[in-house]
Amino acid sequence: GDAWAPAKPRHDETLIRALARAHRWKRMLEEGAYPSINVLAAAEKINRAYVCRLLNLTLLAPDIQEAILDGRQPKGMQLDELTRAMPGAWEAQRKALLSIKNASHDRNRADAET
């Protein structure tokens, strides 16, 4: 399996909904339902910057998107991390996820020791 994926699935509804929403918005933009992100954001009554950040989820490597849908994302993964600081290259994304997993593991080990 993927080195960054946990052994036990844990579905994160926030991540799943955000990914689905991003793909829906992308499809609506591509099909011309909305001529621009600005018009889409206004129609959805959502901040334009938030729409742009969520649309970045559609650029995640396919295996990362699949892992989110299957509940195999790293335990410490947060939507904010995915939408703000994820690199564009798929291999770099996988390395970033590995560092998230390792940081989460280190935090959990430290918590167990206290």
C-alpha atoms as a PDB file:
ATOM      1  CA  GLY A   1       0.000   0.000   0.000  1.00  0.00           C
ATOM      2  CA  ASP A   2       0.897   3.645   0.115  1.00  0.00           C
ATOM      3  CA  ALA A   3       3.515   4.484   2.747  1.00  0.00           C
ATOM      4  CA  TRP A   4       1.525   7.517   3.853  1.00  0.00           C
ATOM      5  CA  ALA A   5      -1.818   5.692   4.240  1.00  0.00           C
ATOM      6  CA  PRO A   6      -2.940   4.311   7.628  1.00  0.00           C
ATOM      7  CA  ALA A   7      -3.649   0.618   8.099  1.00  0.00           C
ATOM      8  CA  LYS A   8      -7.232   1.120   9.305  1.00  0.00           C
ATOM      9  CA  PRO A   9      -9.649   3.187   7.154  1.00  0.00           C
ATOM     10  CA  ARG A  10     -11.079   6.338   8.757  1.00  0.00           C
ATOM     11  CA  HIS A  11     -13.529   8.247   6.575  1.00  0.00           C
ATOM     12  CA  ASP A  12     -13.264  12.004   7.054  1.00  0.00           C
ATOM     13  CA  GLU A  13     -16.590  13.446   5.916  1.00  0.00           C
ATOM     14  CA  THR A  14     -15.172  16.977   5.780  1.00  0.00           C
ATOM     15  CA  LEU A  15     -12.444  15.948   3.343  1.00  0.00           C
ATOM     16  CA  ILE A  16     -14.797  13.790   1.278  1.00  0.00           C
ATOM     17  CA  ARG A  17     -17.419  16.561   0.978  1.00  0.00           C
ATOM     18  CA  ALA A  18     -14.755  19.144   0.088  1.00  0.00           C
ATOM     19  CA  LEU A  19     -13.290  16.906  -2.617  1.00  0.00           C
ATOM     20  CA  ALA A  20     -16.728  16.190  -4.086  1.00  0.00           C
ATOM     21  CA  ARG A  21     -17.648  19.867  -4.012  1.00  0.00           C
ATOM     22  CA  ALA A  22     -14.371  20.848  -5.711  1.00  0.00           C
ATOM     23  CA  HIS A  23     -14.974  18.384  -8.531  1.00  0.00           C
ATOM     24  CA  ARG A  24     -18.564  19.564  -8.938  1.00  0.00           C
ATOM     25  CA  TRP A  25     -17.410  23.190  -9.179  1.00  0.00           C
ATOM     26  CA  LYS A  26     -14.652  22.273 -11.625  1.00  0.00           C
ATOM     27  CA  ARG A  27     -17.153  20.436 -13.819  1.00  0.00           C
ATOM     28  CA  MET A  28     -19.591  23.380 -13.726  1.00  0.00           C
ATOM     29  CA  LEU A  29     -16.795  25.761 -14.764  1.00  0.00           C
ATOM     30  CA  GLU A  30     -15.611  23.450 -17.547  1.00  0.00           C
ATOM     31  CA  GLU A  31     -19.148  22.943 -18.863  1.00  0.00           C
ATOM     32  CA  GLY A  32     -19.796  26.688 -18.855  1.00  0.00           C
ATOM     33  CA  ALA A  33     -22.507  26.682 -16.190  1.00  0.00           C
ATOM     34  CA  TYR A  34     -20.535  29.577 -14.692  1.00  0.00           C
ATOM     35  CA  PRO A  35     -18.249  31.752 -16.815  1.00  0.00           C
ATOM     36  CA  SER A  36     -15.750  32.400 -14.001  1.00  0.00           C
ATOM     37  CA  ILE A  37     -14.785  31.554 -10.438  1.00  0.00           C
ATOM     38  CA  ASN A  38     -16.130  34.955  -9.363  1.00  0.00           C
ATOM     39  CA  VAL A  39     -19.604  34.181 -10.743  1.00  0.00           C
ATOM     40  CA  LEU A  40     -19.517  30.676  -9.260  1.00  0.00           C
ATOM     41  CA  ALA A  41     -18.533  32.013  -5.824  1.00  0.00           C
ATOM     42  CA  ALA A  42     -21.320  34.599  -5.936  1.00  0.00           C
ATOM     43  CA  ALA A  43     -23.898  31.983  -6.975  1.00  0.00           C
ATOM     44  CA  GLU A  44     -22.783  29.622  -4.192  1.00  0.00           C
ATOM     45  CA  LYS A  45     -22.630  32.534  -1.709  1.00  0.00           C
ATOM     46  CA  ILE A  46     -19.067  31.568  -0.818  1.00  0.00           C
ATOM     47  CA  ASN A  47     -15.867  33.578  -0.631  1.00  0.00           C
ATOM     48  CA  ARG A  48     -13.913  33.485  -3.909  1.00  0.00           C
ATOM     49  CA  ALA A  49     -10.658  32.611  -2.127  1.00  0.00           C
ATOM     50  CA  TYR A  50     -12.328  29.570  -0.522  1.00  0.00           C
ATOM     51  CA  VAL A  51     -13.595  28.400  -3.926  1.00  0.00           C
ATOM     52  CA  CYS A  52     -10.062  28.710  -5.319  1.00  0.00           C
ATOM     53  CA  ARG A  53      -8.572  26.786  -2.389  1.00  0.00           C
ATOM     54  CA  LEU A  54     -11.103  23.974  -2.752  1.00  0.00           C
ATOM     55  CA  LEU A  55     -10.561  23.795  -6.506  1.00  0.00           C
ATOM     56  CA  ASN A  56      -6.914  22.995  -5.708  1.00  0.00           C
ATOM     57  CA  LEU A  57      -8.134  19.631  -4.383  1.00  0.00           C
ATOM     58  CA  THR A  58      -8.856  18.603  -7.976  1.00  0.00           C
ATOM     59  CA  LEU A  59      -5.088  18.864  -8.616  1.00  0.00           C
ATOM     60  CA  LEU A  60      -4.192  16.233  -6.033  1.00  0.00           C
ATOM     61  CA  ALA A  61      -2.655  13.021  -7.344  1.00  0.00           C
ATOM     62  CA  PRO A  62      -5.388  10.505  -8.241  1.00  0.00           C
ATOM     63  CA  ASP A  63      -4.153   7.998  -5.649  1.00  0.00           C
ATOM     64  CA  ILE A  64      -4.367  10.674  -2.931  1.00  0.00           C
ATOM     65  CA  GLN A  65      -7.933  11.559  -3.944  1.00  0.00           C
ATOM     66  CA  GLU A  66      -8.825   7.854  -3.929  1.00  0.00           C
ATOM     67  CA  ALA A  67      -7.249   7.431  -0.482  1.00  0.00           C
ATOM     68  CA  ILE A  68      -9.403  10.277   0.879  1.00  0.00           C
ATOM     69  CA  LEU A  69     -12.557   8.705  -0.549  1.00  0.00           C
ATOM     70  CA  ASP A  70     -11.554   5.290   0.862  1.00  0.00           C
ATOM     71  CA  GLY A  71     -10.676   6.709   4.302  1.00  0.00           C
ATOM     72  CA  ARG A  72      -6.966   5.914   3.929  1.00  0.00           C
ATOM     73  CA  GLN A  73      -5.604   9.472   4.281  1.00  0.00           C
ATOM     74  CA  PRO A  74      -2.974  10.123   6.996  1.00  0.00           C
ATOM     75  CA  LYS A  75      -4.525  10.479  10.437  1.00  0.00           C
ATOM     76  CA  GLY A  76      -3.344  14.056  10.922  1.00  0.00           C
ATOM     77  CA  MET A  77      -4.490  15.316   7.513  1.00  0.00           C
ATOM     78  CA  GLN A  78      -6.588  18.480   7.658  1.00  0.00           C
ATOM     79  CA  LEU A  79      -8.499  20.222   4.881  1.00  0.00           C
ATOM     80  CA  ASP A  80      -6.569  23.425   5.527  1.00  0.00           C
ATOM     81  CA  GLU A  81      -3.249  21.663   4.841  1.00  0.00           C
ATOM     82  CA  LEU A  82      -4.549  20.210   1.593  1.00  0.00           C
ATOM     83  CA  THR A  83      -5.928  23.474   0.263  1.00  0.00           C
ATOM     84  CA  ARG A  84      -3.138  25.851   1.246  1.00  0.00           C
ATOM     85  CA  ALA A  85       0.257  24.187   1.244  1.00  0.00           C
ATOM     86  CA  MET A  86       0.157  21.195  -1.102  1.00  0.00           C
ATOM     87  CA  PRO A  87       2.760  21.153  -3.887  1.00  0.00           C
ATOM     88  CA  GLY A  88       1.641  20.771  -7.497  1.00  0.00           C
ATOM     89  CA  ALA A  89       3.829  17.790  -8.435  1.00  0.00           C
ATOM     90  CA  TRP A  90       2.253  14.479  -7.481  1.00  0.00           C
ATOM     91  CA  GLU A  91       5.439  12.928  -6.081  1.00  0.00           C
ATOM     92  CA  ALA A  92       6.004  16.027  -3.926  1.00  0.00           C
ATOM     93  CA  GLN A  93       2.401  15.703  -2.694  1.00  0.00           C
ATOM     94  CA  ARG A  94       3.064  12.114  -1.629  1.00  0.00           C
ATOM     95  CA  LYS A  95       6.196  13.197   0.278  1.00  0.00           C
ATOM     96  CA  ALA A  96       4.211  15.979   1.980  1.00  0.00           C
ATOM     97  CA  LEU A  97       1.587  13.428   3.068  1.00  0.00           C
ATOM     98  CA  LEU A  98       4.306  11.177   4.449  1.00  0.00           C
ATOM     99  CA  SER A  99       5.568  14.083   6.572  1.00  0.00           C
ATOM    100  CA  ILE A 100       1.984  14.711   7.812  1.00  0.00           C
ATOM    101  CA  LYS A 101       1.687  11.039   8.767  1.00  0.00           C
ATOM    102  CA  ASN A 102       5.063  11.055  10.519  1.00  0.00           C
ATOM    103  CA  ALA A 103       4.253  14.268  12.418  1.00  0.00           C
ATOM    104  CA  SER A 104       0.929  12.797  13.548  1.00  0.00           C
ATOM    105  CA  HIS A 105       2.665   9.576  14.645  1.00  0.00           C
ATOM    106  CA  ASP A 106       5.276  11.572  16.598  1.00  0.00           C
ATOM    107  CA  ARG A 107       2.526  13.623  18.329  1.00  0.00           C
ATOM    108  CA  ASN A 108       0.603  10.461  19.253  1.00  0.00           C
ATOM    109  CA  ARG A 109       3.751   8.825  20.668  1.00  0.00           C
ATOM    110  CA  ALA A 110       4.532  11.943  22.736  1.00  0.00           C
ATOM    111  CA  ASP A 111       0.934  12.022  24.041  1.00  0.00           C
ATOM    112  CA  ALA A 112       1.188   8.356  25.062  1.00  0.00           C
ATOM    113  CA  GLU A 113       4.377   9.046  27.020  1.00  0.00           C
ATOM    114  CA  THR A 114       2.806  11.805  29.156  1.00  0.00           C
END
